[in-house]
Every structure is written in structure tokens, then in C-alpha cells.
């Protein structure tokens, strides 16, 4: 943005030594300085409120980052702990989330951003009391979940959830979920079982 600060109009030659100088010159210079300081305050405040900072988290409010070269970018990961009851898996918490499954639970996938592609990986493993059934559902409850063809899914004709049995306390079972329409349709792929 172009600055509104007009320091160039300050008369640096005023007052003239050895002359009776008119006070209007003092008032003009003072007015230019005062206006420029006011403009500087507004511009600095705008930068503090709206510019990206390296010393704190930034919220780009769904604005685009265009023509960027990203180098060494990571995605947030969380350890979600043991799940023994139905709970929410919100993408806002991280793009990689891992859970120990301690009972038959429903994990509701939520927090998808508006009108943009977004994905997350969910890593589940059974506790020592398995096997357990995990039912992945979307939010709202009429979300369609489209599964890739795989034998990992429990037989079900429904498209509003994806059920899978977690049997191992040593093998992590990973799933990738993605959407492009704010979670109205969620696609899921079984990425594999990893020990």
C-alpha cells in the first residue's frame, strides 16, 4: 500500500537564521508533522492488525496466498488420546490425528473449511480390549461418505457413515478423509495398516 505520510513537504530551511521569520512557517511545518504522525499511526495499526507475523499465529480469514513458494511446510498433528465414547474429530485440531480406540465409537468428522479442498489423516489403533467398531460420520448427519473399494469396510449399504473394525493394539490403521464442499460429501481412503 502507498503511504500517506507527506514528510517531503516539510520546509527544512525554515526558520532562516538571522531573519524575522513569520510564525506561519512554524504552524505549517507543525501541521505537516502532526498529520504525518497521525497517518503513520493509522498505517502501523493496519500493519499490526492485518500483516502476517513471524512471532505469532496468523489467521488469513480464508484469503488466498497467491504465487507462493513453500519450503519446509508441515501440517499440525495431534495425539487425541483414548476414545471410549462418541466424539468429534475436528480438522481445526490438526491434519493428522491419532486415537486409541477403547470401545465401539462413532467419530464425527467436522470443522471443514468453506468451499475449498481440505483433507486430514486419522490414525486409529485398538487398546488391549479390542476388537472395536469405529463408525466415521460427517457433520451434519446427512453428510455422504464415499468409500473407495476395499475389503477393510464393514458391509453396509449406507452412504452416511463408514464402519471399520479395529482389532490390533500394534497395527495403526490409517484413513485419509477429504472434501471440497464444506463436508457435505466426504471421501475416504484406507491408506493401510502399519506396525
N, C-alpha and C. Protein backbone atom coordinates (compact mmCIF):
# COMPACT_ATOMS: atom_id res chain seq x y z
N UNK A 1 0.84 -1.18 0.00
CA UNK A 1 0.00 0.00 0.00
C UNK A 1 0.89 1.24 0.00
N UNK A 2 0.42 2.25 -0.64
CA UNK A 2 1.16 3.52 -0.67
C UNK A 2 0.95 4.26 0.64
N UNK A 3 2.01 4.85 1.13
CA UNK A 3 1.93 5.59 2.39
C UNK A 3 1.33 6.97 2.17
N UNK A 4 0.57 7.44 3.16
CA UNK A 4 0.00 8.79 3.13
C UNK A 4 0.90 9.81 3.83
N UNK A 5 2.02 9.37 4.36
CA UNK A 5 2.91 10.27 5.10
C UNK A 5 3.57 11.25 4.13
N UNK A 6 3.43 12.56 4.41
CA UNK A 6 3.90 13.60 3.50
C UNK A 6 5.07 14.37 4.11
N UNK A 7 6.10 13.69 4.58
CA UNK A 7 7.24 14.37 5.21
C UNK A 7 7.99 15.25 4.21
N UNK A 8 7.86 14.96 2.90
CA UNK A 8 8.61 15.71 1.89
C UNK A 8 8.21 17.19 1.85
N UNK A 9 7.02 17.53 2.33
CA UNK A 9 6.55 18.92 2.25
C UNK A 9 6.99 19.76 3.44
N UNK A 10 7.71 19.16 4.38
CA UNK A 10 8.25 19.96 5.49
C UNK A 10 9.33 20.90 4.94
N UNK A 11 9.24 22.15 5.32
CA UNK A 11 10.23 23.15 4.88
C UNK A 11 11.45 23.04 5.79
N UNK A 12 12.48 22.32 5.32
CA UNK A 12 13.68 22.10 6.12
C UNK A 12 14.50 23.37 6.31
N UNK A 13 14.29 24.35 5.45
CA UNK A 13 15.05 25.61 5.55
C UNK A 13 14.42 26.63 6.47
N UNK A 14 13.35 26.28 7.11
CA UNK A 14 12.65 27.21 7.99
C UNK A 14 12.90 26.81 9.44
N UNK A 15 13.18 27.73 10.32
CA UNK A 15 13.32 29.18 10.10
C UNK A 15 14.69 29.54 9.54
N UNK A 16 14.76 30.67 8.92
CA UNK A 16 16.01 31.17 8.33
C UNK A 16 16.75 31.95 9.41
N UNK A 17 18.00 31.55 9.63
CA UNK A 17 18.80 32.19 10.69
C UNK A 17 19.03 33.67 10.36
N UNK A 18 18.96 34.51 11.40
CA UNK A 18 19.25 35.93 11.26
C UNK A 18 18.12 36.74 10.66
N UNK A 19 16.94 36.12 10.44
CA UNK A 19 15.80 36.86 9.89
C UNK A 19 14.63 36.80 10.86
N UNK A 20 13.74 37.79 10.68
CA UNK A 20 12.49 37.77 11.45
C UNK A 20 11.53 36.86 10.70
N UNK A 21 11.39 35.62 11.16
CA UNK A 21 10.59 34.60 10.46
C UNK A 21 9.13 34.68 10.89
N UNK A 22 8.25 34.58 9.92
CA UNK A 22 6.81 34.60 10.15
C UNK A 22 6.41 33.31 10.86
N UNK A 23 5.56 33.41 11.85
CA UNK A 23 5.13 32.21 12.61
C UNK A 23 4.31 31.25 11.76
N UNK A 24 3.83 31.68 10.60
CA UNK A 24 3.05 30.79 9.73
C UNK A 24 3.89 29.59 9.30
N UNK A 25 5.16 29.79 9.05
CA UNK A 25 6.04 28.69 8.67
C UNK A 25 6.13 27.63 9.76
N UNK A 26 6.20 28.09 11.03
CA UNK A 26 6.20 27.14 12.15
C UNK A 26 4.90 26.34 12.17
N UNK A 27 3.77 27.06 11.99
CA UNK A 27 2.46 26.39 12.02
C UNK A 27 2.34 25.40 10.86
N UNK A 28 2.82 25.78 9.67
CA UNK A 28 2.74 24.87 8.50
C UNK A 28 3.56 23.60 8.76
N UNK A 29 4.80 23.76 9.22
CA UNK A 29 5.64 22.59 9.49
C UNK A 29 5.04 21.71 10.59
N UNK A 30 4.55 22.34 11.65
CA UNK A 30 3.94 21.58 12.74
C UNK A 30 2.72 20.80 12.24
N UNK A 31 1.89 21.42 11.39
CA UNK A 31 0.70 20.76 10.87
C UNK A 31 1.07 19.55 10.00
N UNK A 32 2.13 19.72 9.17
CA UNK A 32 2.59 18.61 8.33
C UNK A 32 3.08 17.45 9.21
N UNK A 33 3.86 17.77 10.26
CA UNK A 33 4.37 16.74 11.17
C UNK A 33 3.22 16.04 11.89
N UNK A 34 2.28 16.82 12.39
CA UNK A 34 1.14 16.24 13.13
C UNK A 34 0.32 15.32 12.22
N UNK A 35 0.02 15.78 11.00
CA UNK A 35 -0.77 14.96 10.06
C UNK A 35 -0.01 13.70 9.68
N UNK A 36 1.30 13.83 9.46
CA UNK A 36 2.09 12.66 9.08
C UNK A 36 2.17 11.65 10.21
N UNK A 37 2.29 12.12 11.46
CA UNK A 37 2.29 11.20 12.60
C UNK A 37 0.95 10.47 12.73
N UNK A 38 -0.14 11.19 12.48
CA UNK A 38 -1.46 10.57 12.52
C UNK A 38 -1.59 9.51 11.43
N UNK A 39 -1.11 9.83 10.22
CA UNK A 39 -1.13 8.86 9.12
C UNK A 39 -0.24 7.66 9.45
N UNK A 40 0.92 7.91 10.04
CA UNK A 40 1.84 6.82 10.41
C UNK A 40 1.20 5.91 11.44
N UNK A 41 0.49 6.48 12.42
CA UNK A 41 -0.18 5.66 13.42
C UNK A 41 -1.22 4.76 12.77
N UNK A 42 -2.01 5.31 11.84
CA UNK A 42 -3.05 4.51 11.16
C UNK A 42 -2.41 3.39 10.34
N UNK A 43 -1.30 3.70 9.65
CA UNK A 43 -0.66 2.70 8.81
C UNK A 43 0.00 1.60 9.65
N UNK A 44 0.64 1.97 10.75
CA UNK A 44 1.25 0.97 11.63
C UNK A 44 0.17 0.09 12.27
N UNK A 45 -0.94 0.69 12.69
CA UNK A 45 -2.04 -0.08 13.26
C UNK A 45 -2.59 -1.06 12.24
N UNK A 46 -2.75 -0.61 10.99
CA UNK A 46 -3.22 -1.51 9.94
C UNK A 46 -2.26 -2.67 9.74
N UNK A 47 -0.97 -2.40 9.74
CA UNK A 47 0.02 -3.48 9.59
C UNK A 47 -0.02 -4.44 10.77
N UNK A 48 -0.16 -3.91 11.99
CA UNK A 48 -0.23 -4.77 13.17
C UNK A 48 -1.47 -5.66 13.14
N UNK A 49 -2.57 -5.13 12.61
CA UNK A 49 -3.83 -5.89 12.58
C UNK A 49 -3.91 -6.86 11.41
N UNK A 50 -3.26 -6.55 10.28
CA UNK A 50 -3.53 -7.31 9.06
C UNK A 50 -2.33 -7.99 8.42
N UNK A 51 -1.12 -7.66 8.78
CA UNK A 51 0.05 -8.26 8.14
C UNK A 51 0.38 -9.60 8.80
N UNK A 52 0.95 -10.51 8.02
CA UNK A 52 1.41 -11.78 8.57
C UNK A 52 2.61 -11.52 9.47
N UNK A 53 2.66 -12.24 10.60
CA UNK A 53 3.74 -12.05 11.55
C UNK A 53 4.48 -13.36 11.76
N UNK A 54 5.76 -13.27 12.04
CA UNK A 54 6.56 -14.46 12.29
C UNK A 54 6.56 -14.85 13.76
N UNK A 55 6.10 -13.96 14.65
CA UNK A 55 6.18 -14.22 16.08
C UNK A 55 4.86 -14.67 16.71
N UNK A 56 3.83 -14.88 15.89
CA UNK A 56 2.56 -15.36 16.42
C UNK A 56 1.76 -16.02 15.31
N UNK A 57 0.70 -16.76 15.69
CA UNK A 57 -0.15 -17.41 14.69
C UNK A 57 -0.89 -16.37 13.87
N UNK A 58 -1.15 -16.71 12.62
CA UNK A 58 -1.83 -15.79 11.70
C UNK A 58 -3.11 -16.43 11.20
N UNK A 59 -4.18 -15.66 11.17
CA UNK A 59 -5.44 -16.12 10.60
C UNK A 59 -5.67 -15.32 9.31
N UNK A 60 -5.60 -16.01 8.19
CA UNK A 60 -5.74 -15.33 6.91
C UNK A 60 -7.20 -15.16 6.50
N UNK A 61 -8.14 -15.56 7.36
CA UNK A 61 -9.57 -15.32 7.16
C UNK A 61 -10.04 -15.76 5.78
N UNK A 62 -9.56 -16.91 5.34
CA UNK A 62 -9.94 -17.52 4.06
C UNK A 62 -9.49 -16.69 2.86
N UNK A 63 -8.51 -15.81 3.05
CA UNK A 63 -7.92 -15.09 1.93
C UNK A 63 -6.85 -15.97 1.29
N UNK A 64 -6.64 -15.80 0.01
CA UNK A 64 -5.70 -16.64 -0.73
C UNK A 64 -4.27 -16.16 -0.56
N UNK A 65 -3.36 -17.12 -0.51
CA UNK A 65 -1.93 -16.86 -0.56
C UNK A 65 -1.52 -17.23 -1.97
N UNK A 66 -1.19 -16.23 -2.78
CA UNK A 66 -1.02 -16.43 -4.21
C UNK A 66 0.45 -16.32 -4.60
N UNK A 67 0.85 -17.13 -5.58
CA UNK A 67 2.19 -17.10 -6.14
C UNK A 67 3.25 -17.27 -5.06
N UNK A 68 3.04 -18.28 -4.19
CA UNK A 68 3.96 -18.52 -3.09
C UNK A 68 4.82 -19.74 -3.37
N UNK A 69 6.04 -19.69 -2.93
CA UNK A 69 6.94 -20.84 -3.00
C UNK A 69 7.11 -21.35 -1.57
N UNK A 70 6.49 -22.47 -1.26
CA UNK A 70 6.52 -23.01 0.10
C UNK A 70 7.70 -23.97 0.23
N UNK A 71 8.45 -23.81 1.28
CA UNK A 71 9.62 -24.65 1.53
C UNK A 71 9.57 -25.11 2.98
N UNK A 72 9.69 -26.40 3.20
CA UNK A 72 9.69 -26.99 4.54
C UNK A 72 8.42 -26.63 5.30
N UNK A 73 7.28 -26.89 4.71
CA UNK A 73 5.98 -26.65 5.33
C UNK A 73 5.52 -27.94 6.00
N UNK A 74 4.99 -27.84 7.20
CA UNK A 74 4.48 -29.01 7.90
C UNK A 74 3.00 -28.83 8.18
N UNK A 75 2.35 -29.92 8.58
CA UNK A 75 0.95 -29.90 8.95
C UNK A 75 0.83 -30.30 10.42
N UNK A 76 -0.13 -29.72 11.08
CA UNK A 76 -0.30 -29.96 12.51
C UNK A 76 -0.78 -31.39 12.77
N UNK A 77 -0.20 -32.02 13.78
CA UNK A 77 -0.59 -33.36 14.20
C UNK A 77 -0.94 -33.34 15.68
N UNK A 78 -1.93 -34.16 16.06
CA UNK A 78 -2.30 -34.26 17.47
C UNK A 78 -2.43 -35.72 17.87
N UNK A 79 -2.19 -35.97 19.13
CA UNK A 79 -2.47 -37.28 19.72
C UNK A 79 -3.76 -37.10 20.50
N UNK A 80 -4.83 -37.72 20.01
CA UNK A 80 -6.15 -37.48 20.58
C UNK A 80 -6.49 -38.31 21.80
N UNK A 81 -5.62 -39.21 22.21
CA UNK A 81 -5.89 -39.99 23.41
C UNK A 81 -6.80 -41.17 23.14
N UNK A 82 -7.27 -41.79 24.22
CA UNK A 82 -8.13 -42.97 24.13
C UNK A 82 -9.58 -42.54 24.01
N UNK A 83 -10.27 -43.10 23.01
CA UNK A 83 -11.68 -42.80 22.79
C UNK A 83 -12.51 -44.01 23.20
N UNK A 84 -13.34 -43.82 24.23
CA UNK A 84 -14.24 -44.89 24.68
C UNK A 84 -15.69 -44.51 24.47
N UNK A 85 -15.93 -43.31 23.98
CA UNK A 85 -17.29 -42.87 23.67
C UNK A 85 -17.27 -42.02 22.41
N UNK A 86 -18.44 -41.78 21.86
CA UNK A 86 -18.53 -41.00 20.62
C UNK A 86 -17.88 -39.63 20.82
N UNK A 87 -17.17 -39.18 19.80
CA UNK A 87 -16.50 -37.89 19.92
C UNK A 87 -16.33 -37.27 18.54
N UNK A 88 -15.81 -36.05 18.55
CA UNK A 88 -15.64 -35.26 17.34
C UNK A 88 -14.17 -35.29 16.92
N UNK A 89 -13.96 -35.42 15.60
CA UNK A 89 -12.62 -35.30 15.02
C UNK A 89 -12.68 -34.06 14.15
N UNK A 90 -12.20 -32.94 14.70
CA UNK A 90 -12.32 -31.65 14.03
C UNK A 90 -11.01 -31.33 13.32
N UNK A 91 -11.09 -31.03 12.03
CA UNK A 91 -9.89 -30.74 11.24
C UNK A 91 -9.13 -29.55 11.79
N UNK A 92 -9.81 -28.66 12.50
CA UNK A 92 -9.14 -27.49 13.09
C UNK A 92 -8.06 -27.93 14.08
N UNK A 93 -8.23 -29.12 14.68
CA UNK A 93 -7.25 -29.61 15.65
C UNK A 93 -5.97 -30.10 15.00
N UNK A 94 -6.00 -30.43 13.71
CA UNK A 94 -4.80 -30.88 13.03
C UNK A 94 -5.13 -31.75 11.83
N UNK A 95 -4.19 -31.77 10.88
CA UNK A 95 -4.39 -32.55 9.66
C UNK A 95 -3.99 -34.01 9.83
N UNK A 96 -3.34 -34.35 10.94
CA UNK A 96 -3.02 -35.74 11.26
C UNK A 96 -3.43 -35.96 12.70
N UNK A 97 -4.40 -36.86 12.92
CA UNK A 97 -4.90 -37.10 14.26
C UNK A 97 -4.85 -38.59 14.55
N UNK A 98 -4.36 -38.94 15.73
CA UNK A 98 -4.24 -40.35 16.09
C UNK A 98 -5.00 -40.63 17.39
N UNK A 99 -5.69 -41.77 17.41
CA UNK A 99 -6.54 -42.13 18.55
C UNK A 99 -6.36 -43.60 18.89
N UNK A 100 -6.42 -43.91 20.20
CA UNK A 100 -6.51 -45.28 20.67
C UNK A 100 -8.00 -45.54 20.89
N UNK A 101 -8.50 -46.61 20.28
CA UNK A 101 -9.93 -46.91 20.35
C UNK A 101 -10.18 -47.92 21.48
N UNK A 102 -10.98 -47.49 22.45
CA UNK A 102 -11.23 -48.31 23.63
C UNK A 102 -12.65 -48.82 23.75
N UNK A 103 -13.39 -48.84 22.65
CA UNK A 103 -14.77 -49.33 22.65
C UNK A 103 -15.39 -49.03 21.30
N UNK A 104 -16.61 -49.49 21.09
CA UNK A 104 -17.33 -49.18 19.85
C UNK A 104 -17.70 -47.70 19.90
N UNK A 105 -17.21 -46.92 18.95
CA UNK A 105 -17.41 -45.47 18.98
C UNK A 105 -17.77 -44.95 17.61
N UNK A 106 -18.40 -43.78 17.62
CA UNK A 106 -18.63 -43.00 16.40
C UNK A 106 -17.73 -41.78 16.46
N UNK A 107 -16.93 -41.60 15.42
CA UNK A 107 -16.08 -40.42 15.31
C UNK A 107 -16.68 -39.51 14.24
N UNK A 108 -17.11 -38.32 14.65
CA UNK A 108 -17.77 -37.38 13.74
C UNK A 108 -16.73 -36.42 13.17
N UNK A 109 -16.63 -36.43 11.85
CA UNK A 109 -15.66 -35.59 11.14
C UNK A 109 -16.26 -34.20 10.95
N UNK A 110 -15.57 -33.17 11.43
CA UNK A 110 -16.17 -31.83 11.41
C UNK A 110 -15.11 -30.75 11.20
N UNK A 111 -15.60 -29.51 11.10
CA UNK A 111 -14.73 -28.35 11.00
C UNK A 111 -14.17 -28.07 9.62
N UNK A 112 -14.76 -28.68 8.59
CA UNK A 112 -14.23 -28.49 7.23
C UNK A 112 -14.38 -27.04 6.79
N UNK A 113 -13.37 -26.50 6.11
CA UNK A 113 -13.47 -25.11 5.64
C UNK A 113 -14.46 -24.96 4.50
N UNK A 114 -14.98 -23.76 4.34
CA UNK A 114 -15.99 -23.49 3.31
C UNK A 114 -15.40 -23.53 1.91
N UNK A 115 -16.05 -24.28 1.03
CA UNK A 115 -15.83 -24.22 -0.42
C UNK A 115 -14.39 -24.38 -0.86
N UNK A 116 -13.59 -25.12 -0.15
CA UNK A 116 -12.23 -25.40 -0.55
C UNK A 116 -11.90 -26.85 -0.27
N UNK A 117 -10.94 -27.38 -1.01
CA UNK A 117 -10.46 -28.73 -0.77
C UNK A 117 -9.70 -28.77 0.53
N UNK A 118 -9.95 -29.78 1.34
CA UNK A 118 -9.22 -29.96 2.59
C UNK A 118 -9.19 -31.44 2.91
N UNK A 119 -8.12 -31.86 3.56
CA UNK A 119 -8.00 -33.29 3.90
C UNK A 119 -7.35 -33.46 5.26
N UNK A 120 -7.59 -34.63 5.85
CA UNK A 120 -6.92 -35.00 7.09
C UNK A 120 -6.75 -36.50 7.14
N UNK A 121 -5.73 -36.93 7.87
CA UNK A 121 -5.48 -38.35 8.07
C UNK A 121 -5.83 -38.67 9.52
N UNK A 122 -6.60 -39.77 9.69
CA UNK A 122 -6.96 -40.24 11.02
C UNK A 122 -6.31 -41.61 11.21
N UNK A 123 -5.54 -41.73 12.29
CA UNK A 123 -4.76 -42.92 12.63
C UNK A 123 -5.42 -43.54 13.86
N UNK A 124 -5.93 -44.77 13.73
CA UNK A 124 -6.59 -45.43 14.85
C UNK A 124 -5.91 -46.76 15.15
N UNK A 125 -5.89 -47.09 16.44
CA UNK A 125 -5.32 -48.34 16.91
C UNK A 125 -6.17 -48.80 18.09
N UNK A 126 -6.35 -50.11 18.26
CA UNK A 126 -7.17 -50.62 19.35
C UNK A 126 -6.38 -50.65 20.66
N UNK A 127 -7.11 -50.52 21.77
CA UNK A 127 -6.46 -50.78 23.05
C UNK A 127 -6.40 -52.29 23.23
N UNK A 128 -5.96 -52.77 24.36
CA UNK A 128 -5.80 -54.21 24.55
C UNK A 128 -7.11 -54.96 24.73
N UNK A 129 -8.24 -54.25 24.67
CA UNK A 129 -9.55 -54.89 24.83
C UNK A 129 -10.28 -55.08 23.50
N UNK A 130 -9.61 -54.84 22.36
CA UNK A 130 -10.26 -54.92 21.04
C UNK A 130 -10.77 -56.32 20.75
N UNK A 131 -11.51 -56.53 19.68
CA UNK A 131 -11.76 -55.58 18.59
C UNK A 131 -12.88 -54.59 18.91
N UNK A 132 -12.82 -53.44 18.20
CA UNK A 132 -13.82 -52.39 18.36
C UNK A 132 -14.24 -51.89 16.98
N UNK A 133 -15.51 -51.50 16.89
CA UNK A 133 -16.01 -50.93 15.64
C UNK A 133 -15.96 -49.41 15.74
N UNK A 134 -15.36 -48.81 14.71
CA UNK A 134 -15.34 -47.35 14.61
C UNK A 134 -16.25 -46.98 13.44
N UNK A 135 -17.20 -46.11 13.72
CA UNK A 135 -18.09 -45.60 12.68
C UNK A 135 -17.73 -44.15 12.42
N UNK A 136 -17.23 -43.87 11.22
CA UNK A 136 -16.91 -42.49 10.84
C UNK A 136 -18.16 -41.87 10.23
N UNK A 137 -18.55 -40.72 10.75
CA UNK A 137 -19.70 -39.98 10.23
C UNK A 137 -19.29 -38.54 9.98
N UNK A 138 -20.10 -37.86 9.17
CA UNK A 138 -19.84 -36.45 8.90
C UNK A 138 -20.76 -35.57 9.69
N UNK A 139 -20.47 -34.29 9.65
CA UNK A 139 -21.34 -33.30 10.26
C UNK A 139 -21.73 -32.30 9.19
N UNK A 140 -22.99 -32.09 8.88
CA UNK A 140 -24.17 -32.60 9.58
C UNK A 140 -24.40 -34.09 9.32
N UNK A 141 -25.40 -34.66 9.98
CA UNK A 141 -25.60 -36.10 9.95
C UNK A 141 -26.02 -36.63 8.58
N UNK A 142 -26.45 -35.77 7.65
CA UNK A 142 -26.83 -36.25 6.31
C UNK A 142 -25.65 -36.19 5.33
N UNK A 143 -24.44 -35.99 5.84
CA UNK A 143 -23.25 -35.98 5.00
C UNK A 143 -23.10 -37.32 4.30
N UNK A 144 -22.75 -37.28 3.02
CA UNK A 144 -22.44 -38.51 2.29
C UNK A 144 -20.97 -38.83 2.49
N UNK A 145 -20.68 -40.08 2.83
CA UNK A 145 -19.30 -40.53 2.92
C UNK A 145 -19.11 -41.56 1.82
N UNK A 146 -18.21 -41.23 0.89
CA UNK A 146 -17.95 -42.11 -0.24
C UNK A 146 -16.64 -42.86 0.01
N UNK A 147 -16.72 -44.19 0.05
CA UNK A 147 -15.58 -45.04 0.37
C UNK A 147 -14.98 -45.62 -0.89
N UNK A 148 -13.65 -45.75 -0.91
CA UNK A 148 -13.02 -46.44 -2.03
C UNK A 148 -13.28 -47.93 -1.88
N UNK A 149 -13.20 -48.64 -2.97
CA UNK A 149 -13.43 -50.08 -2.92
C UNK A 149 -12.30 -50.73 -2.13
N UNK A 150 -12.65 -51.37 -1.03
CA UNK A 150 -11.66 -52.02 -0.19
C UNK A 150 -12.36 -53.01 0.71
N UNK A 151 -11.69 -54.08 1.05
CA UNK A 151 -12.28 -55.09 1.92
C UNK A 151 -12.24 -54.68 3.38
N UNK A 152 -11.62 -53.54 3.68
CA UNK A 152 -11.50 -53.11 5.07
C UNK A 152 -12.84 -52.66 5.65
N UNK A 153 -13.76 -52.23 4.80
CA UNK A 153 -15.02 -51.66 5.28
C UNK A 153 -15.98 -52.76 5.69
N UNK A 154 -16.69 -52.53 6.77
CA UNK A 154 -17.75 -53.44 7.17
C UNK A 154 -18.87 -53.33 6.14
N UNK A 155 -19.53 -54.47 5.85
CA UNK A 155 -20.58 -54.44 4.83
C UNK A 155 -21.71 -53.53 5.30
N UNK A 156 -22.03 -52.58 4.46
CA UNK A 156 -23.08 -51.63 4.79
C UNK A 156 -23.51 -50.93 3.51
N UNK A 157 -24.80 -50.77 3.34
CA UNK A 157 -25.30 -50.09 2.15
C UNK A 157 -25.43 -48.59 2.37
N UNK A 158 -25.25 -48.15 3.60
CA UNK A 158 -25.42 -46.74 3.88
C UNK A 158 -24.27 -45.91 3.31
N UNK A 159 -24.58 -44.67 2.96
CA UNK A 159 -23.53 -43.76 2.50
C UNK A 159 -23.34 -42.61 3.48
N UNK A 160 -23.94 -42.70 4.67
CA UNK A 160 -23.79 -41.63 5.65
C UNK A 160 -22.74 -41.97 6.70
N UNK A 161 -22.16 -43.16 6.64
CA UNK A 161 -21.09 -43.48 7.56
C UNK A 161 -20.17 -44.53 6.94
N UNK A 162 -19.00 -44.69 7.54
CA UNK A 162 -18.04 -45.69 7.10
C UNK A 162 -17.60 -46.45 8.34
N UNK A 163 -17.97 -47.73 8.43
CA UNK A 163 -17.66 -48.53 9.60
C UNK A 163 -16.45 -49.42 9.33
N UNK A 164 -15.59 -49.52 10.34
CA UNK A 164 -14.39 -50.35 10.24
C UNK A 164 -14.12 -50.96 11.61
N UNK A 165 -13.59 -52.18 11.62
CA UNK A 165 -13.25 -52.85 12.88
C UNK A 165 -11.75 -52.68 13.12
N UNK A 166 -11.43 -52.25 14.33
CA UNK A 166 -10.04 -52.09 14.75
C UNK A 166 -9.73 -53.26 15.67
N UNK A 167 -8.78 -54.10 15.27
CA UNK A 167 -8.52 -55.32 16.04
C UNK A 167 -7.16 -55.34 16.72
N UNK A 168 -6.22 -54.58 16.22
CA UNK A 168 -4.84 -54.73 16.69
C UNK A 168 -4.42 -53.59 17.61
N UNK A 169 -3.68 -53.95 18.65
CA UNK A 169 -3.09 -52.93 19.51
C UNK A 169 -1.67 -52.58 19.09
N UNK A 170 -1.22 -53.19 17.99
CA UNK A 170 0.12 -52.87 17.48
C UNK A 170 0.09 -52.26 16.09
N UNK A 171 -0.97 -52.52 15.33
CA UNK A 171 -1.04 -52.00 13.95
C UNK A 171 -1.90 -50.74 13.89
N UNK A 172 -1.30 -49.67 13.44
CA UNK A 172 -2.04 -48.42 13.23
C UNK A 172 -2.78 -48.53 11.89
N UNK A 173 -4.06 -48.23 11.91
CA UNK A 173 -4.88 -48.26 10.69
C UNK A 173 -5.13 -46.80 10.30
N UNK A 174 -4.65 -46.41 9.11
CA UNK A 174 -4.72 -45.01 8.68
C UNK A 174 -5.76 -44.81 7.58
N UNK A 175 -6.49 -43.70 7.72
CA UNK A 175 -7.52 -43.32 6.75
C UNK A 175 -7.33 -41.86 6.37
N UNK A 176 -7.48 -41.57 5.08
CA UNK A 176 -7.46 -40.18 4.64
C UNK A 176 -8.88 -39.77 4.27
N UNK A 177 -9.31 -38.65 4.82
CA UNK A 177 -10.63 -38.08 4.53
C UNK A 177 -10.43 -36.75 3.82
N UNK A 178 -11.24 -36.47 2.81
CA UNK A 178 -11.14 -35.18 2.14
C UNK A 178 -12.50 -34.74 1.61
N UNK A 179 -12.62 -33.44 1.40
CA UNK A 179 -13.86 -32.84 0.90
C UNK A 179 -13.51 -31.57 0.14
N UNK A 180 -14.43 -31.16 -0.71
CA UNK A 180 -14.28 -29.89 -1.42
C UNK A 180 -15.53 -29.04 -1.27
N UNK A 181 -16.52 -29.53 -0.53
CA UNK A 181 -17.80 -28.82 -0.42
C UNK A 181 -18.25 -28.64 1.03
N UNK A 182 -17.31 -28.24 1.88
CA UNK A 182 -17.61 -27.97 3.29
C UNK A 182 -18.11 -29.20 4.02
N UNK A 183 -17.70 -30.38 3.60
CA UNK A 183 -18.05 -31.60 4.29
C UNK A 183 -19.40 -32.18 3.94
N UNK A 184 -20.07 -31.64 2.92
CA UNK A 184 -21.35 -32.24 2.52
C UNK A 184 -21.11 -33.62 1.91
N UNK A 185 -20.01 -33.77 1.21
CA UNK A 185 -19.57 -35.06 0.70
C UNK A 185 -18.14 -35.27 1.17
N UNK A 186 -17.90 -36.37 1.87
CA UNK A 186 -16.57 -36.68 2.36
C UNK A 186 -16.11 -37.97 1.69
N UNK A 187 -14.93 -37.93 1.13
CA UNK A 187 -14.33 -39.11 0.52
C UNK A 187 -13.37 -39.72 1.53
N UNK A 188 -13.26 -41.05 1.53
CA UNK A 188 -12.36 -41.70 2.45
C UNK A 188 -11.61 -42.81 1.74
N UNK A 189 -10.33 -42.94 2.07
CA UNK A 189 -9.48 -43.98 1.52
C UNK A 189 -8.70 -44.62 2.66
N UNK A 190 -8.68 -45.94 2.68
CA UNK A 190 -7.86 -46.67 3.65
C UNK A 190 -6.42 -46.64 3.13
N UNK A 191 -5.52 -46.00 3.87
CA UNK A 191 -4.15 -45.86 3.45
C UNK A 191 -3.31 -47.10 3.77
N UNK A 192 -3.78 -47.90 4.69
CA UNK A 192 -3.06 -49.12 5.04
C UNK A 192 -2.96 -49.32 6.54
N UNK A 193 -2.42 -50.49 6.92
CA UNK A 193 -2.18 -50.82 8.31
C UNK A 193 -0.66 -50.86 8.51
N UNK A 194 -0.19 -50.18 9.55
CA UNK A 194 1.25 -50.01 9.76
C UNK A 194 1.64 -50.44 11.16
N UNK A 195 2.67 -51.29 11.26
CA UNK A 195 3.17 -51.72 12.57
C UNK A 195 4.55 -51.18 12.81
